[in-house]
Amino acid sequence: MIHSVKNEVSREGRHITTNGVRLHYIDLVAHGQTTAQTIILIPGITSPAITWEFVGARLAASSRVIIIDNRGRGLSSGGIELTYGLEDYARDTAGLIEQLNIKSPVILGHSMGARIAFKFGALFPDLVGKIIAADPPVTGPGRRPYPIPLEWYLEGIDAASRGDPEDTSSPILKNWSHEQLSLRAEWLPTCDKTAIAGSHASFHKEDIHSLLPQIECPVLLIYAENGNTVLDGDAKEIVEATHNCSAIKIEGVGHMIPWDDLDAFITATESFL
C-alpha cells in the first residue's frame, strides 16, 4: 500500500518551527535498527511528504528516513507572507537538521528537492554527508525551460480541490496505480498555489550549475531515461562540474522515478549509501 508503512517500520509525524516556518516531517525507522545513518528526503514541487512515504519505508530498512513537507505543502505552513527560493528551502532543511541534532545526513532530493539539495550542499557543507539528486530540473537563466508549464500544476490543484477525476492522459501520471492517484488527489490541495508559482519561477530564475563546484561531499545523480528533465549531456555536465559526482540513468522510467520502478530507484540509492 503506497500510503501505508510496513509493520516493521515505526512512523512518527512531527512539527518544528524554523526559519520562520512551521515545518512538518515524517520520521521513519525500522524496529531494532541501529544504524547511525539518516536520510533527509526532500520531495518535489507538488509532492507532500506522505506521497513519498512508500519510498521512505523501503529505505528505512537500513537508515532512519525523515521526509519533509516543504514550506507551502502538506502540513507545513505556507502563504503569501513567505518566499519560495532555493535558499529558503535549504535553510528550512538546515534548521530541521540542527534542531534534531542529526550528524552528516544524506540529503536525497527529487526534482525541485534535488535543486534544494544542491543549494544545501553549497550553503551548509558542514551539515551534509552525501547528496543524492534525483532528476533535478537543469533550468535557469539562459537554459531551456522546464518542460511542465505552471498551469498544469495549478489546474491540477484546482481539479483535486473540486474532486474532479485525475487526468491520467498526462505522461507523468499515466502509469500510476489507482491508489497512487487517490493519494495524490487527497493531498494535492494542501499545496499552496503561491508556493507552487514561486518555486516554478525559481526553476527559471535560479542557476544550480554555479553551485556544483562549491559542493564538497560525494554526490550521486540519478536521472530518468524518459523524464525529459535531465538528458545525457546534462548529466555529463553535472558530473564534470562537481568535485565528487557519479551518475546513474534508470532505463524505462519517467520523471517520477520510484512510481515507475521502485526497485531500481532503491537499488541505485542503496548502492551509493
C-alpha atoms as a PDB file:
ATOM      1  CA  MET A   1       0.000   0.000   0.000  1.00  0.00           C
ATOM      2  CA  ILE A   2       1.598   3.243  -1.070  1.00  0.00           C
ATOM      3  CA  HIS A   3       0.080   5.224   1.808  1.00  0.00           C
ATOM      4  CA  SER A   4       0.986   2.684   4.466  1.00  0.00           C
ATOM      5  CA  VAL A   5       4.223   1.834   6.205  1.00  0.00           C
ATOM      6  CA  LYS A   6       5.256  -1.771   6.687  1.00  0.00           C
ATOM      7  CA  ASN A   7       4.631  -3.099  10.189  1.00  0.00           C
ATOM      8  CA  GLU A   8       8.343  -3.376  10.934  1.00  0.00           C
ATOM      9  CA  VAL A   9       8.845   0.368  10.357  1.00  0.00           C
ATOM     10  CA  SER A  10       7.992   2.883  13.058  1.00  0.00           C
ATOM     11  CA  ARG A  11       6.374   6.120  11.879  1.00  0.00           C
ATOM     12  CA  GLU A  12       6.060   9.459  13.644  1.00  0.00           C
ATOM     13  CA  GLY A  13       4.782  12.761  12.283  1.00  0.00           C
ATOM     14  CA  ARG A  14       6.156  15.878  13.946  1.00  0.00           C
ATOM     15  CA  HIS A  15       6.385  19.664  13.592  1.00  0.00           C
ATOM     16  CA  ILE A  16       9.163  22.109  14.338  1.00  0.00           C
ATOM     17  CA  THR A  17       9.413  25.863  13.886  1.00  0.00           C
ATOM     18  CA  THR A  18      12.461  27.026  11.976  1.00  0.00           C
ATOM     19  CA  ASN A  19      13.391  29.873   9.684  1.00  0.00           C
ATOM     20  CA  GLY A  20      10.013  31.482  10.397  1.00  0.00           C
ATOM     21  CA  VAL A  21       8.101  28.394   9.219  1.00  0.00           C
ATOM     22  CA  ARG A  22       6.173  25.614  10.920  1.00  0.00           C
ATOM     23  CA  LEU A  23       7.744  22.622   9.238  1.00  0.00           C
ATOM     24  CA  HIS A  24       6.129  19.184   9.286  1.00  0.00           C
ATOM     25  CA  TYR A  25       8.093  15.993   8.732  1.00  0.00           C
ATOM     26  CA  ILE A  26       7.599  12.230   8.808  1.00  0.00           C
ATOM     27  CA  ASP A  27      10.181  10.179  10.722  1.00  0.00           C
ATOM     28  CA  LEU A  28      10.609   6.524   9.687  1.00  0.00           C
ATOM     29  CA  VAL A  29      12.866   3.945  11.325  1.00  0.00           C
ATOM     30  CA  ALA A  30      12.866   0.155  11.272  1.00  0.00           C
ATOM     31  CA  HIS A  31      12.226  -1.560  14.600  1.00  0.00           C
ATOM     32  CA  GLY A  32      15.521  -2.598  16.147  1.00  0.00           C
ATOM     33  CA  GLN A  33      17.559  -0.714  13.579  1.00  0.00           C
ATOM     34  CA  THR A  34      20.853   0.560  14.988  1.00  0.00           C
ATOM     35  CA  THR A  35      22.410   2.419  12.049  1.00  0.00           C
ATOM     36  CA  ALA A  36      23.514   5.970  12.723  1.00  0.00           C
ATOM     37  CA  GLN A  37      22.795   6.991   9.121  1.00  0.00           C
ATOM     38  CA  THR A  38      19.915   9.383   8.467  1.00  0.00           C
ATOM     39  CA  ILE A  39      18.415  10.263   5.096  1.00  0.00           C
ATOM     40  CA  ILE A  40      16.641  13.598   4.742  1.00  0.00           C
ATOM     41  CA  LEU A  41      14.228  13.177   1.833  1.00  0.00           C
ATOM     42  CA  ILE A  42      13.134  16.402   0.121  1.00  0.00           C
ATOM     43  CA  PRO A  43      10.251  15.940  -2.350  1.00  0.00           C
ATOM     44  CA  GLY A  44       9.425  17.955  -5.454  1.00  0.00           C
ATOM     45  CA  ILE A  45       7.193  20.855  -6.323  1.00  0.00           C
ATOM     46  CA  THR A  46       3.754  19.308  -5.636  1.00  0.00           C
ATOM     47  CA  SER A  47       4.689  16.275  -3.549  1.00  0.00           C
ATOM     48  CA  PRO A  48       3.750  16.415   0.130  1.00  0.00           C
ATOM     49  CA  ALA A  49       5.822  14.165   2.375  1.00  0.00           C
ATOM     50  CA  ILE A  50       3.164  11.469   2.656  1.00  0.00           C
ATOM     51  CA  THR A  51       3.308  10.798  -1.076  1.00  0.00           C
ATOM     52  CA  TRP A  52       6.950   9.701  -0.672  1.00  0.00           C
ATOM     53  CA  GLU A  53       6.309   7.527   2.352  1.00  0.00           C
ATOM     54  CA  PHE A  54       6.329   4.323   0.310  1.00  0.00           C
ATOM     55  CA  VAL A  55       9.882   5.170  -0.790  1.00  0.00           C
ATOM     56  CA  GLY A  56      10.945   6.139   2.724  1.00  0.00           C
ATOM     57  CA  ALA A  57       9.581   2.875   4.119  1.00  0.00           C
ATOM     58  CA  ARG A  58      11.858   0.889   1.808  1.00  0.00           C
ATOM     59  CA  LEU A  59      14.908   2.995   2.622  1.00  0.00           C
ATOM     60  CA  ALA A  60      14.140   2.736   6.346  1.00  0.00           C
ATOM     61  CA  ALA A  61      15.247  -0.906   6.273  1.00  0.00           C
ATOM     62  CA  SER A  62      18.815   0.357   6.626  1.00  0.00           C
ATOM     63  CA  SER A  63      18.547   4.059   7.526  1.00  0.00           C
ATOM     64  CA  ARG A  64      16.477   6.475   9.532  1.00  0.00           C
ATOM     65  CA  VAL A  65      14.439   8.415   6.971  1.00  0.00           C
ATOM     66  CA  ILE A  66      12.968  11.868   7.529  1.00  0.00           C
ATOM     67  CA  ILE A  67      10.643  13.151   4.802  1.00  0.00           C
ATOM     68  CA  ILE A  68       9.988  16.890   4.758  1.00  0.00           C
ATOM     69  CA  ASP A  69       6.787  18.694   3.901  1.00  0.00           C
ATOM     70  CA  ASN A  70       8.380  21.625   2.103  1.00  0.00           C
ATOM     71  CA  ARG A  71       7.015  25.026   3.083  1.00  0.00           C
ATOM     72  CA  GLY A  72       3.678  25.557   1.370  1.00  0.00           C
ATOM     73  CA  ARG A  73       2.971  21.818   1.084  1.00  0.00           C
ATOM     74  CA  GLY A  74       1.268  19.222   3.202  1.00  0.00           C
ATOM     75  CA  LEU A  75       1.081  20.149   6.879  1.00  0.00           C
ATOM     76  CA  SER A  76       3.822  22.797   6.769  1.00  0.00           C
ATOM     77  CA  SER A  77       2.910  26.468   6.782  1.00  0.00           C
ATOM     78  CA  GLY A  78       2.731  28.496   3.583  1.00  0.00           C
ATOM     79  CA  GLY A  79       1.080  31.633   2.297  1.00  0.00           C
ATOM     80  CA  ILE A  80       1.917  34.873   0.570  1.00  0.00           C
ATOM     81  CA  GLU A  81       3.977  36.114   3.514  1.00  0.00           C
ATOM     82  CA  LEU A  82       6.677  33.519   2.798  1.00  0.00           C
ATOM     83  CA  THR A  83       9.202  33.321  -0.033  1.00  0.00           C
ATOM     84  CA  TYR A  84       9.978  30.210  -2.032  1.00  0.00           C
ATOM     85  CA  GLY A  85      13.536  30.364  -3.323  1.00  0.00           C
ATOM     86  CA  LEU A  86      16.185  27.672  -3.058  1.00  0.00           C
ATOM     87  CA  GLU A  87      17.842  29.339  -0.084  1.00  0.00           C
ATOM     88  CA  ASP A  88      14.534  29.417   1.808  1.00  0.00           C
ATOM     89  CA  TYR A  89      14.093  25.666   1.443  1.00  0.00           C
ATOM     90  CA  ALA A  90      17.768  24.966   2.177  1.00  0.00           C
ATOM     91  CA  ARG A  91      17.609  26.984   5.406  1.00  0.00           C
ATOM     92  CA  ASP A  92      14.422  25.162   6.428  1.00  0.00           C
ATOM     93  CA  THR A  93      16.283  21.879   5.978  1.00  0.00           C
ATOM     94  CA  ALA A  94      19.282  23.147   7.935  1.00  0.00           C
ATOM     95  CA  GLY A  95      17.033  24.215  10.797  1.00  0.00           C
ATOM     96  CA  LEU A  96      15.448  20.773  10.962  1.00  0.00           C
ATOM     97  CA  ILE A  97      18.840  19.027  10.959  1.00  0.00           C
ATOM     98  CA  GLU A  98      20.177  21.294  13.695  1.00  0.00           C
ATOM     99  CA  GLN A  99      17.087  21.017  15.907  1.00  0.00           C
ATOM    100  CA  LEU A 100      17.033  17.220  15.619  1.00  0.00           C
ATOM    101  CA  ASN A 101      20.817  17.076  16.168  1.00  0.00           C
ATOM    102  CA  ILE A 102      21.412  14.915  13.104  1.00  0.00           C
ATOM    103  CA  LYS A 103      25.043  14.372  12.157  1.00  0.00           C
ATOM    104  CA  SER A 104      26.125  14.294   8.493  1.00  0.00           C
ATOM    105  CA  PRO A 105      22.843  13.131   6.941  1.00  0.00           C
ATOM    106  CA  VAL A 106      22.348  12.023   3.367  1.00  0.00           C
ATOM    107  CA  ILE A 107      20.262  14.620   1.539  1.00  0.00           C
ATOM    108  CA  LEU A 108      18.045  12.870  -1.006  1.00  0.00           C
ATOM    109  CA  GLY A 109      16.093  15.292  -3.177  1.00  0.00           C
ATOM    110  CA  HIS A 110      13.806  14.653  -6.112  1.00  0.00           C
ATOM    111  CA  SER A 111      13.148  17.234  -8.854  1.00  0.00           C
ATOM    112  CA  MET A 112      12.807  20.567  -7.037  1.00  0.00           C
ATOM    113  CA  GLY A 113      14.096  18.740  -3.969  1.00  0.00           C
ATOM    114  CA  ALA A 114      17.273  17.861  -5.872  1.00  0.00           C
ATOM    115  CA  ARG A 115      17.831  21.530  -6.669  1.00  0.00           C
ATOM    116  CA  ILE A 116      17.343  22.270  -2.966  1.00  0.00           C
ATOM    117  CA  ALA A 117      19.898  19.549  -2.157  1.00  0.00           C
ATOM    118  CA  PHE A 118      22.490  21.255  -4.372  1.00  0.00           C
ATOM    119  CA  LYS A 119      21.806  24.608  -2.710  1.00  0.00           C
ATOM    120  CA  PHE A 120      22.029  22.981   0.696  1.00  0.00           C
ATOM    121  CA  GLY A 121      25.352  21.353  -0.140  1.00  0.00           C
ATOM    122  CA  ALA A 122      26.806  24.686  -1.247  1.00  0.00           C
ATOM    123  CA  LEU A 123      25.489  26.653   1.746  1.00  0.00           C
ATOM    124  CA  PHE A 124      25.954  24.103   4.518  1.00  0.00           C
ATOM    125  CA  PRO A 125      28.929  21.846   3.730  1.00  0.00           C
ATOM    126  CA  ASP A 126      29.411  21.013   7.412  1.00  0.00           C
ATOM    127  CA  LEU A 127      25.856  19.676   7.764  1.00  0.00           C
ATOM    128  CA  VAL A 128      25.792  17.155   4.924  1.00  0.00           C
ATOM    129  CA  GLY A 129      27.412  13.760   4.463  1.00  0.00           C
ATOM    130  CA  LYS A 130      26.266  12.861   0.947  1.00  0.00           C
ATOM    131  CA  ILE A 131      23.802  14.138  -1.653  1.00  0.00           C
ATOM    132  CA  ILE A 132      21.545  12.106  -3.923  1.00  0.00           C
ATOM    133  CA  ALA A 133      19.956  14.292  -6.595  1.00  0.00           C
ATOM    134  CA  ALA A 134      17.135  12.573  -8.487  1.00  0.00           C
ATOM    135  CA  ASP A 135      16.143  14.125 -11.825  1.00  0.00           C
ATOM    136  CA  PRO A 136      16.751  17.804 -10.955  1.00  0.00           C
ATOM    137  CA  PRO A 137      15.416  20.420 -13.384  1.00  0.00           C
ATOM    138  CA  VAL A 138      18.531  21.789 -15.104  1.00  0.00           C
ATOM    139  CA  THR A 139      16.747  25.019 -15.946  1.00  0.00           C
ATOM    140  CA  GLY A 140      17.987  28.501 -15.170  1.00  0.00           C
ATOM    141  CA  PRO A 141      18.961  31.746 -16.864  1.00  0.00           C
ATOM    142  CA  GLY A 142      19.919  31.085 -20.472  1.00  0.00           C
ATOM    143  CA  ARG A 143      18.909  27.422 -20.340  1.00  0.00           C
ATOM    144  CA  ARG A 144      15.984  25.526 -21.804  1.00  0.00           C
ATOM    145  CA  PRO A 145      12.696  25.976 -19.931  1.00  0.00           C
ATOM    146  CA  TYR A 146      11.213  23.384 -17.627  1.00  0.00           C
ATOM    147  CA  PRO A 147       9.040  21.073 -19.751  1.00  0.00           C
ATOM    148  CA  ILE A 148       5.968  21.206 -17.490  1.00  0.00           C
ATOM    149  CA  PRO A 149       4.123  24.568 -17.516  1.00  0.00           C
ATOM    150  CA  LEU A 150       2.970  26.193 -14.290  1.00  0.00           C
ATOM    151  CA  GLU A 151      -0.647  25.977 -15.448  1.00  0.00           C
ATOM    152  CA  TRP A 152      -0.569  22.174 -15.341  1.00  0.00           C
ATOM    153  CA  TYR A 153       0.252  22.245 -11.642  1.00  0.00           C
ATOM    154  CA  LEU A 154      -2.275  24.953 -10.768  1.00  0.00           C
ATOM    155  CA  GLU A 155      -5.062  23.322 -12.762  1.00  0.00           C
ATOM    156  CA  GLY A 156      -4.300  20.019 -11.067  1.00  0.00           C
ATOM    157  CA  ILE A 157      -4.633  21.596  -7.623  1.00  0.00           C
ATOM    158  CA  ASP A 158      -7.947  23.179  -8.602  1.00  0.00           C
ATOM    159  CA  ALA A 159      -9.251  19.916 -10.059  1.00  0.00           C
ATOM    160  CA  ALA A 160      -8.299  17.932  -6.948  1.00  0.00           C
ATOM    161  CA  SER A 161      -9.903  20.592  -4.755  1.00  0.00           C
ATOM    162  CA  ARG A 162     -13.167  20.182  -6.689  1.00  0.00           C
ATOM    163  CA  GLY A 163     -12.989  16.395  -6.522  1.00  0.00           C
ATOM    164  CA  ASP A 164     -12.600  16.001 -10.280  1.00  0.00           C
ATOM    165  CA  PRO A 165     -11.073  12.754 -11.562  1.00  0.00           C
ATOM    166  CA  GLU A 166      -7.371  12.871 -12.336  1.00  0.00           C
ATOM    167  CA  ASP A 167      -6.352  13.418 -15.954  1.00  0.00           C
ATOM    168  CA  THR A 168      -4.421  10.197 -16.480  1.00  0.00           C
ATOM    169  CA  SER A 169      -3.537  11.141 -20.053  1.00  0.00           C
ATOM    170  CA  SER A 170      -0.601  13.114 -18.651  1.00  0.00           C
ATOM    171  CA  PRO A 171       2.723  11.352 -19.334  1.00  0.00           C
ATOM    172  CA  ILE A 172       3.607  11.889 -15.673  1.00  0.00           C
ATOM    173  CA  LEU A 173       0.536  10.079 -14.334  1.00  0.00           C
ATOM    174  CA  LYS A 174      -0.309   7.505 -16.989  1.00  0.00           C
ATOM    175  CA  ASN A 175       1.418   4.596 -15.210  1.00  0.00           C
ATOM    176  CA  TRP A 176       0.217   5.425 -11.700  1.00  0.00           C
ATOM    177  CA  SER A 177      -1.978   2.978  -9.821  1.00  0.00           C
ATOM    178  CA  HIS A 178      -5.452   3.868  -8.578  1.00  0.00           C
ATOM    179  CA  GLU A 179      -4.052   4.010  -5.045  1.00  0.00           C
ATOM    180  CA  GLN A 180      -1.273   6.392  -6.061  1.00  0.00           C
ATOM    181  CA  LEU A 181      -3.708   8.660  -7.860  1.00  0.00           C
ATOM    182  CA  SER A 182      -6.053   8.641  -4.875  1.00  0.00           C
ATOM    183  CA  LEU A 183      -3.281   9.693  -2.502  1.00  0.00           C
ATOM    184  CA  ARG A 184      -2.258  12.472  -4.872  1.00  0.00           C
ATOM    185  CA  ALA A 185      -5.862  13.678  -5.151  1.00  0.00           C
ATOM    186  CA  GLU A 186      -6.200  13.709  -1.361  1.00  0.00           C
ATOM    187  CA  TRP A 187      -3.054  15.735  -0.688  1.00  0.00           C
ATOM    188  CA  LEU A 188      -2.614  17.912  -3.771  1.00  0.00           C
ATOM    189  CA  PRO A 189      -4.995  20.587  -2.400  1.00  0.00           C
ATOM    190  CA  THR A 190      -2.564  21.103   0.506  1.00  0.00           C
ATOM    191  CA  CYS A 191      -0.090  22.610  -1.965  1.00  0.00           C
ATOM    192  CA  ASP A 192      -0.245  26.388  -1.681  1.00  0.00           C
ATOM    193  CA  LYS A 193      -0.561  27.885  -5.165  1.00  0.00           C
ATOM    194  CA  THR A 194       1.644  30.822  -4.146  1.00  0.00           C
ATOM    195  CA  ALA A 195       4.357  28.343  -3.186  1.00  0.00           C
ATOM    196  CA  ILE A 196       3.987  26.412  -6.431  1.00  0.00           C
ATOM    197  CA  ALA A 197       4.159  29.569  -8.548  1.00  0.00           C
ATOM    198  CA  GLY A 198       7.200  30.818  -6.633  1.00  0.00           C
ATOM    199  CA  SER A 199       9.007  27.517  -6.976  1.00  0.00           C
ATOM    200  CA  HIS A 200       8.202  27.193 -10.659  1.00  0.00           C
ATOM    201  CA  ALA A 201       9.550  30.710 -11.242  1.00  0.00           C
ATOM    202  CA  SER A 202      12.690  29.713  -9.337  1.00  0.00           C
ATOM    203  CA  PHE A 203      13.281  26.926 -11.855  1.00  0.00           C
ATOM    204  CA  HIS A 204      13.964  29.615 -14.443  1.00  0.00           C
ATOM    205  CA  LYS A 205      15.464  32.384 -12.301  1.00  0.00           C
ATOM    206  CA  GLU A 206      17.941  30.435 -10.180  1.00  0.00           C
ATOM    207  CA  ASP A 207      21.023  28.720 -11.562  1.00  0.00           C
ATOM    208  CA  ILE A 208      22.085  25.443  -9.957  1.00  0.00           C
ATOM    209  CA  HIS A 209      25.146  24.857 -12.117  1.00  0.00           C
ATOM    210  CA  SER A 210      27.136  27.597 -10.383  1.00  0.00           C
ATOM    211  CA  LEU A 211      26.533  25.760  -7.085  1.00  0.00           C
ATOM    212  CA  LEU A 212      28.097  22.487  -8.202  1.00  0.00           C
ATOM    213  CA  PRO A 213      31.803  23.409  -7.809  1.00  0.00           C
ATOM    214  CA  GLN A 214      31.041  24.528  -4.240  1.00  0.00           C
ATOM    215  CA  ILE A 215      29.757  21.098  -3.168  1.00  0.00           C
ATOM    216  CA  GLU A 216      32.441  19.129  -1.339  1.00  0.00           C
ATOM    217  CA  CYS A 217      30.620  15.940  -0.328  1.00  0.00           C
ATOM    218  CA  PRO A 218      30.072  12.884  -2.548  1.00  0.00           C
ATOM    219  CA  VAL A 219      27.131  13.303  -4.940  1.00  0.00           C
ATOM    220  CA  LEU A 220      25.061  10.785  -6.872  1.00  0.00           C
ATOM    221  CA  LEU A 221      22.905  11.980  -9.758  1.00  0.00           C
ATOM    222  CA  ILE A 222      20.014   9.653 -10.592  1.00  0.00           C
ATOM    223  CA  TYR A 223      18.163  10.522 -13.764  1.00  0.00           C
ATOM    224  CA  ALA A 224      15.283   9.107 -15.777  1.00  0.00           C
ATOM    225  CA  GLU A 225      15.644   7.869 -19.329  1.00  0.00           C
ATOM    226  CA  ASN A 226      12.186   9.174 -20.278  1.00  0.00           C
ATOM    227  CA  GLY A 227      11.811  12.092 -17.875  1.00  0.00           C
ATOM    228  CA  ASN A 228      12.765  14.813 -20.374  1.00  0.00           C
ATOM    229  CA  THR A 229      14.303  16.649 -17.408  1.00  0.00           C
ATOM    230  CA  VAL A 230      17.937  15.500 -17.326  1.00  0.00           C
ATOM    231  CA  LEU A 231      19.406  14.448 -20.656  1.00  0.00           C
ATOM    232  CA  ASP A 232      22.678  12.552 -21.102  1.00  0.00           C
ATOM    233  CA  GLY A 233      24.521  15.783 -21.888  1.00  0.00           C
ATOM    234  CA  ASP A 234      23.097  17.429 -18.788  1.00  0.00           C
ATOM    235  CA  ALA A 235      24.253  14.526 -16.640  1.00  0.00           C
ATOM    236  CA  LYS A 236      27.754  14.764 -18.096  1.00  0.00           C
ATOM    237  CA  GLU A 237      27.850  18.493 -17.358  1.00  0.00           C
ATOM    238  CA  ILE A 238      26.761  17.976 -13.741  1.00  0.00           C
ATOM    239  CA  VAL A 239      29.300  15.202 -13.145  1.00  0.00           C
ATOM    240  CA  GLU A 240      32.135  17.232 -14.625  1.00  0.00           C
ATOM    241  CA  ALA A 241      31.253  20.382 -12.660  1.00  0.00           C
ATOM    242  CA  THR A 242      31.049  18.614  -9.285  1.00  0.00           C
ATOM    243  CA  HIS A 243      34.137  17.531  -7.342  1.00  0.00           C
ATOM    244  CA  ASN A 244      32.983  14.013  -6.492  1.00  0.00           C
ATOM    245  CA  CYS A 245      29.950  13.031  -8.536  1.00  0.00           C
ATOM    246  CA  SER A 246      28.738   9.926 -10.312  1.00  0.00           C
ATOM    247  CA  ALA A 247      25.571   9.390 -12.336  1.00  0.00           C
ATOM    248  CA  ILE A 248      23.122   6.549 -12.862  1.00  0.00           C
ATOM    249  CA  LYS A 249      20.483   6.586 -15.593  1.00  0.00           C
ATOM    250  CA  ILE A 250      17.452   4.434 -14.838  1.00  0.00           C
ATOM    251  CA  GLU A 251      16.095   2.967 -18.034  1.00  0.00           C
ATOM    252  CA  GLY A 252      12.429   2.925 -18.977  1.00  0.00           C
ATOM    253  CA  VAL A 253      11.183   5.368 -16.325  1.00  0.00           C
ATOM    254  CA  GLY A 254       9.721   8.848 -16.341  1.00  0.00           C
ATOM    255  CA  HIS A 255      10.408  11.817 -14.096  1.00  0.00           C
ATOM    256  CA  MET A 256       8.636  10.303 -11.072  1.00  0.00           C
ATOM    257  CA  ILE A 257      11.188   7.515 -10.990  1.00  0.00           C
ATOM    258  CA  PRO A 258      10.073   5.439  -7.958  1.00  0.00           C
ATOM    259  CA  TRP A 259       6.481   5.385  -9.208  1.00  0.00           C
ATOM    260  CA  ASP A 260       7.659   3.674 -12.389  1.00  0.00           C
ATOM    261  CA  ASP A 261      10.365   1.399 -10.948  1.00  0.00           C
ATOM    262  CA  LEU A 262      10.725   1.492  -7.174  1.00  0.00           C
ATOM    263  CA  ASP A 263      13.176  -1.407  -7.052  1.00  0.00           C
ATOM    264  CA  ALA A 264      15.574   0.263  -9.478  1.00  0.00           C
ATOM    265  CA  PHE A 265      15.425   3.522  -7.540  1.00  0.00           C
ATOM    266  CA  ILE A 266      16.095   1.799  -4.219  1.00  0.00           C
ATOM    267  CA  THR A 267      18.945  -0.225  -5.716  1.00  0.00           C
ATOM    268  CA  ALA A 268      20.608   2.896  -7.152  1.00  0.00           C
ATOM    269  CA  THR A 269      20.220   4.752  -3.872  1.00  0.00           C
ATOM    270  CA  GLU A 270      21.431   1.974  -1.614  1.00  0.00           C
ATOM    271  CA  SER A 271      24.446   1.246  -3.820  1.00  0.00           C
ATOM    272  CA  PHE A 272      25.623   4.801  -3.142  1.00  0.00           C
ATOM    273  CA  LEU A 273      24.921   4.656   0.582  1.00  0.00           C
END
